[in-house]
Amino acid sequence: MKRTEPKSVGQIIRESISQSGLSGAYAEQQACYLWPEIMGPGVNRYTFKRYVDHGVMHVYLTSAALKNELSFHRARIVERINQAVGTQAITSIIFH
């Protein structure tokens, strides 16, 4: 049996996700998880639900004024999320 170098648990998980073809779904879930970190506590305070469906992130907000403001910065937010995830996981955002 050939001896290999030890791997970290994180490396093993990333390899198994990649081999199973779930990289896209993992990146989408990671985008939802990183939303509070990317947008900060001020925006996250008004966010009560978020999910990704086929590359489109749906964010539910309790403030209509904030919804309007974020709509103007949609492209920049998508860019920041994809940069944080490390791949083009999100194609657009819909604010509800």
N, C-alpha and C. Protein backbone atom coordinates (compact mmCIF):
# COMPACT_ATOMS: atom_id res chain seq x y z
N MET A 1 0.85 -1.17 0.00
CA MET A 1 0.00 0.00 0.00
C MET A 1 0.89 1.24 0.00
N LYS A 2 0.56 2.18 -0.85
CA LYS A 2 1.34 3.40 -0.97
C LYS A 2 1.04 4.35 0.19
N ARG A 3 2.06 4.91 0.73
CA ARG A 3 1.92 5.84 1.83
C ARG A 3 1.71 7.25 1.29
N THR A 4 0.76 7.98 1.83
CA THR A 4 0.49 9.35 1.41
C THR A 4 0.70 10.31 2.57
N GLU A 5 0.81 11.56 2.20
CA GLU A 5 0.97 12.61 3.22
C GLU A 5 -0.37 12.80 3.94
N PRO A 6 -0.32 13.16 5.21
CA PRO A 6 -1.57 13.39 5.95
C PRO A 6 -2.31 14.62 5.41
N LYS A 7 -3.63 14.56 5.48
CA LYS A 7 -4.48 15.67 5.02
C LYS A 7 -5.31 16.16 6.20
N SER A 8 -5.65 17.44 6.14
CA SER A 8 -6.52 17.99 7.18
C SER A 8 -7.96 17.57 6.88
N VAL A 9 -8.80 17.65 7.88
CA VAL A 9 -10.20 17.30 7.72
C VAL A 9 -10.86 18.21 6.68
N GLY A 10 -10.49 19.49 6.69
CA GLY A 10 -11.03 20.44 5.73
C GLY A 10 -10.69 20.06 4.30
N GLN A 11 -9.45 19.62 4.07
CA GLN A 11 -9.05 19.19 2.74
C GLN A 11 -9.86 17.97 2.30
N ILE A 12 -10.05 17.02 3.19
CA ILE A 12 -10.80 15.81 2.86
C ILE A 12 -12.24 16.16 2.51
N ILE A 13 -12.85 17.05 3.27
CA ILE A 13 -14.24 17.46 3.00
C ILE A 13 -14.33 18.17 1.66
N ARG A 14 -13.42 19.10 1.37
CA ARG A 14 -13.44 19.81 0.09
C ARG A 14 -13.26 18.85 -1.08
N GLU A 15 -12.37 17.88 -0.94
CA GLU A 15 -12.16 16.90 -2.01
C GLU A 15 -13.40 16.05 -2.24
N SER A 16 -14.06 15.62 -1.17
CA SER A 16 -15.24 14.79 -1.33
C SER A 16 -16.41 15.58 -1.91
N ILE A 17 -16.54 16.85 -1.56
CA ILE A 17 -17.58 17.69 -2.15
C ILE A 17 -17.32 17.88 -3.63
N SER A 18 -16.07 18.11 -3.98
CA SER A 18 -15.70 18.29 -5.38
C SER A 18 -15.93 17.02 -6.19
N GLN A 19 -15.56 15.88 -5.65
CA GLN A 19 -15.72 14.62 -6.36
C GLN A 19 -17.18 14.23 -6.53
N SER A 20 -18.02 14.62 -5.60
CA SER A 20 -19.44 14.26 -5.69
C SER A 20 -20.24 15.23 -6.56
N GLY A 21 -19.61 16.31 -7.01
CA GLY A 21 -20.28 17.26 -7.89
C GLY A 21 -21.17 18.26 -7.17
N LEU A 22 -20.94 18.46 -5.90
CA LEU A 22 -21.77 19.37 -5.11
C LEU A 22 -21.10 20.71 -4.84
N SER A 23 -20.09 21.05 -5.60
CA SER A 23 -19.37 22.30 -5.38
C SER A 23 -20.27 23.52 -5.53
N GLY A 24 -21.14 23.51 -6.53
CA GLY A 24 -22.04 24.64 -6.75
C GLY A 24 -23.02 24.83 -5.61
N ALA A 25 -23.63 23.75 -5.16
CA ALA A 25 -24.58 23.83 -4.05
C ALA A 25 -23.89 24.26 -2.76
N TYR A 26 -22.66 23.78 -2.56
CA TYR A 26 -21.91 24.18 -1.37
C TYR A 26 -21.59 25.67 -1.41
N ALA A 27 -21.21 26.18 -2.57
CA ALA A 27 -20.89 27.60 -2.71
C ALA A 27 -22.14 28.46 -2.47
N GLU A 28 -23.30 28.00 -2.93
CA GLU A 28 -24.54 28.74 -2.71
C GLU A 28 -24.86 28.81 -1.22
N GLN A 29 -24.72 27.69 -0.53
CA GLN A 29 -25.00 27.68 0.91
C GLN A 29 -23.99 28.52 1.68
N GLN A 30 -22.77 28.52 1.21
CA GLN A 30 -21.74 29.33 1.84
C GLN A 30 -22.05 30.82 1.66
N ALA A 31 -22.61 31.19 0.51
CA ALA A 31 -23.00 32.59 0.27
C ALA A 31 -24.07 33.03 1.27
N CYS A 32 -25.05 32.17 1.53
CA CYS A 32 -26.07 32.50 2.52
C CYS A 32 -25.48 32.62 3.91
N TYR A 33 -24.57 31.73 4.23
CA TYR A 33 -23.94 31.74 5.54
C TYR A 33 -23.09 32.99 5.75
N LEU A 34 -22.44 33.47 4.71
CA LEU A 34 -21.54 34.63 4.82
C LEU A 34 -22.26 35.97 4.71
N TRP A 35 -23.54 35.98 4.42
CA TRP A 35 -24.30 37.23 4.27
C TRP A 35 -24.09 38.20 5.45
N PRO A 36 -24.26 37.77 6.71
CA PRO A 36 -24.06 38.72 7.82
C PRO A 36 -22.65 39.29 7.88
N GLU A 37 -21.67 38.46 7.57
CA GLU A 37 -20.28 38.91 7.60
C GLU A 37 -19.99 39.91 6.48
N ILE A 38 -20.55 39.67 5.31
CA ILE A 38 -20.31 40.54 4.14
C ILE A 38 -21.05 41.87 4.29
N MET A 39 -22.30 41.82 4.70
CA MET A 39 -23.13 43.02 4.74
C MET A 39 -23.04 43.78 6.06
N GLY A 40 -22.59 43.12 7.10
CA GLY A 40 -22.45 43.78 8.38
C GLY A 40 -23.69 43.67 9.25
N PRO A 41 -23.55 44.01 10.53
CA PRO A 41 -24.67 43.86 11.46
C PRO A 41 -25.83 44.81 11.20
N GLY A 42 -25.56 45.97 10.62
CA GLY A 42 -26.63 46.93 10.36
C GLY A 42 -27.65 46.41 9.36
N VAL A 43 -27.17 45.85 8.27
CA VAL A 43 -28.07 45.29 7.26
C VAL A 43 -28.65 43.97 7.74
N ASN A 44 -27.84 43.17 8.39
CA ASN A 44 -28.30 41.86 8.85
C ASN A 44 -29.43 41.97 9.87
N ARG A 45 -29.47 43.07 10.60
CA ARG A 45 -30.53 43.29 11.59
C ARG A 45 -31.91 43.30 10.93
N TYR A 46 -31.98 43.76 9.68
CA TYR A 46 -33.26 43.84 8.97
C TYR A 46 -33.50 42.66 8.04
N THR A 47 -32.60 41.69 8.03
CA THR A 47 -32.74 40.50 7.20
C THR A 47 -33.35 39.39 8.03
N PHE A 48 -34.46 38.79 7.54
CA PHE A 48 -35.05 37.71 8.33
C PHE A 48 -35.07 36.38 7.60
N LYS A 49 -34.78 36.37 6.29
CA LYS A 49 -34.74 35.12 5.56
C LYS A 49 -33.89 35.30 4.31
N ARG A 50 -33.11 34.28 3.97
CA ARG A 50 -32.32 34.31 2.74
C ARG A 50 -32.08 32.89 2.27
N TYR A 51 -32.11 32.71 0.96
CA TYR A 51 -31.81 31.41 0.37
C TYR A 51 -31.37 31.63 -1.07
N VAL A 52 -30.74 30.61 -1.67
CA VAL A 52 -30.27 30.67 -3.04
C VAL A 52 -30.98 29.59 -3.84
N ASP A 53 -31.52 29.97 -5.00
CA ASP A 53 -32.20 29.04 -5.89
C ASP A 53 -31.63 29.20 -7.29
N HIS A 54 -30.89 28.23 -7.75
CA HIS A 54 -30.28 28.23 -9.09
C HIS A 54 -29.45 29.48 -9.35
N GLY A 55 -28.63 29.87 -8.40
CA GLY A 55 -27.74 31.00 -8.56
C GLY A 55 -28.34 32.36 -8.24
N VAL A 56 -29.62 32.40 -7.92
CA VAL A 56 -30.29 33.66 -7.59
C VAL A 56 -30.52 33.68 -6.08
N MET A 57 -29.95 34.68 -5.43
CA MET A 57 -30.10 34.81 -3.98
C MET A 57 -31.35 35.63 -3.68
N HIS A 58 -32.21 35.10 -2.82
CA HIS A 58 -33.43 35.78 -2.39
C HIS A 58 -33.21 36.24 -0.96
N VAL A 59 -33.36 37.55 -0.73
CA VAL A 59 -33.15 38.12 0.60
C VAL A 59 -34.43 38.83 1.02
N TYR A 60 -34.97 38.43 2.16
CA TYR A 60 -36.18 39.04 2.69
C TYR A 60 -35.80 40.06 3.76
N LEU A 61 -36.29 41.28 3.59
CA LEU A 61 -35.94 42.39 4.49
C LEU A 61 -37.21 42.93 5.15
N THR A 62 -37.05 43.49 6.34
CA THR A 62 -38.19 44.08 7.05
C THR A 62 -38.29 45.58 6.81
N SER A 63 -37.32 46.18 6.14
CA SER A 63 -37.31 47.61 5.90
C SER A 63 -37.41 47.90 4.40
N ALA A 64 -38.47 48.59 4.01
CA ALA A 64 -38.65 48.95 2.60
C ALA A 64 -37.58 49.94 2.13
N ALA A 65 -37.19 50.84 3.00
CA ALA A 65 -36.15 51.81 2.63
C ALA A 65 -34.81 51.12 2.38
N LEU A 66 -34.47 50.16 3.21
CA LEU A 66 -33.24 49.40 3.02
C LEU A 66 -33.31 48.55 1.75
N LYS A 67 -34.47 47.98 1.49
CA LYS A 67 -34.67 47.20 0.26
C LYS A 67 -34.40 48.06 -0.96
N ASN A 68 -34.92 49.27 -0.96
CA ASN A 68 -34.71 50.19 -2.07
C ASN A 68 -33.24 50.58 -2.20
N GLU A 69 -32.58 50.85 -1.09
CA GLU A 69 -31.17 51.24 -1.10
C GLU A 69 -30.29 50.10 -1.61
N LEU A 70 -30.54 48.89 -1.15
CA LEU A 70 -29.74 47.74 -1.58
C LEU A 70 -29.96 47.41 -3.06
N SER A 71 -31.14 47.71 -3.56
CA SER A 71 -31.42 47.46 -4.98
C SER A 71 -30.50 48.27 -5.89
N PHE A 72 -30.13 49.46 -5.45
CA PHE A 72 -29.21 50.29 -6.23
C PHE A 72 -27.80 49.71 -6.27
N HIS A 73 -27.43 48.95 -5.24
CA HIS A 73 -26.08 48.41 -5.12
C HIS A 73 -26.02 46.91 -5.42
N ARG A 74 -27.01 46.41 -6.13
CA ARG A 74 -27.15 44.98 -6.38
C ARG A 74 -25.90 44.37 -7.02
N ALA A 75 -25.37 44.99 -8.06
CA ALA A 75 -24.20 44.43 -8.78
C ALA A 75 -22.98 44.36 -7.87
N ARG A 76 -22.77 45.38 -7.07
CA ARG A 76 -21.62 45.40 -6.17
C ARG A 76 -21.76 44.35 -5.06
N ILE A 77 -22.97 44.13 -4.59
CA ILE A 77 -23.21 43.12 -3.56
C ILE A 77 -22.94 41.72 -4.11
N VAL A 78 -23.41 41.46 -5.34
CA VAL A 78 -23.16 40.16 -5.97
C VAL A 78 -21.66 39.93 -6.12
N GLU A 79 -20.96 40.97 -6.52
CA GLU A 79 -19.50 40.87 -6.69
C GLU A 79 -18.82 40.56 -5.35
N ARG A 80 -19.23 41.22 -4.29
CA ARG A 80 -18.63 41.00 -2.97
C ARG A 80 -18.92 39.59 -2.45
N ILE A 81 -20.13 39.10 -2.67
CA ILE A 81 -20.48 37.75 -2.23
C ILE A 81 -19.65 36.72 -2.98
N ASN A 82 -19.57 36.85 -4.30
CA ASN A 82 -18.80 35.90 -5.09
C ASN A 82 -17.32 35.95 -4.74
N GLN A 83 -16.82 37.13 -4.42
CA GLN A 83 -15.43 37.26 -4.01
C GLN A 83 -15.19 36.55 -2.68
N ALA A 84 -16.14 36.66 -1.75
CA ALA A 84 -16.00 36.00 -0.46
C ALA A 84 -16.08 34.49 -0.57
N VAL A 85 -16.94 34.02 -1.47
CA VAL A 85 -17.11 32.58 -1.66
C VAL A 85 -15.94 32.00 -2.45
N GLY A 86 -15.41 32.78 -3.37
CA GLY A 86 -14.29 32.32 -4.18
C GLY A 86 -14.68 31.73 -5.51
N THR A 87 -15.94 31.85 -5.89
CA THR A 87 -16.43 31.35 -7.16
C THR A 87 -17.68 32.14 -7.56
N GLN A 88 -18.12 31.98 -8.79
CA GLN A 88 -19.31 32.68 -9.27
C GLN A 88 -20.57 31.90 -8.86
N ALA A 89 -20.86 31.87 -7.59
CA ALA A 89 -22.00 31.13 -7.07
C ALA A 89 -23.31 31.88 -7.27
N ILE A 90 -23.27 33.20 -7.20
CA ILE A 90 -24.48 34.03 -7.26
C ILE A 90 -24.46 34.82 -8.56
N THR A 91 -25.57 34.75 -9.30
CA THR A 91 -25.68 35.52 -10.55
C THR A 91 -26.47 36.81 -10.35
N SER A 92 -27.44 36.80 -9.45
CA SER A 92 -28.21 38.01 -9.15
C SER A 92 -28.85 37.88 -7.77
N ILE A 93 -29.39 39.01 -7.31
CA ILE A 93 -30.06 39.04 -6.00
C ILE A 93 -31.45 39.65 -6.18
N ILE A 94 -32.41 39.06 -5.53
CA ILE A 94 -33.76 39.61 -5.49
C ILE A 94 -34.07 39.96 -4.04
N PHE A 95 -34.44 41.21 -3.81
CA PHE A 95 -34.79 41.65 -2.46
C PHE A 95 -36.31 41.64 -2.34
N HIS A 96 -36.80 41.01 -1.28
CA HIS A 96 -38.25 40.92 -1.03
C HIS A 96 -38.58 41.72 0.21
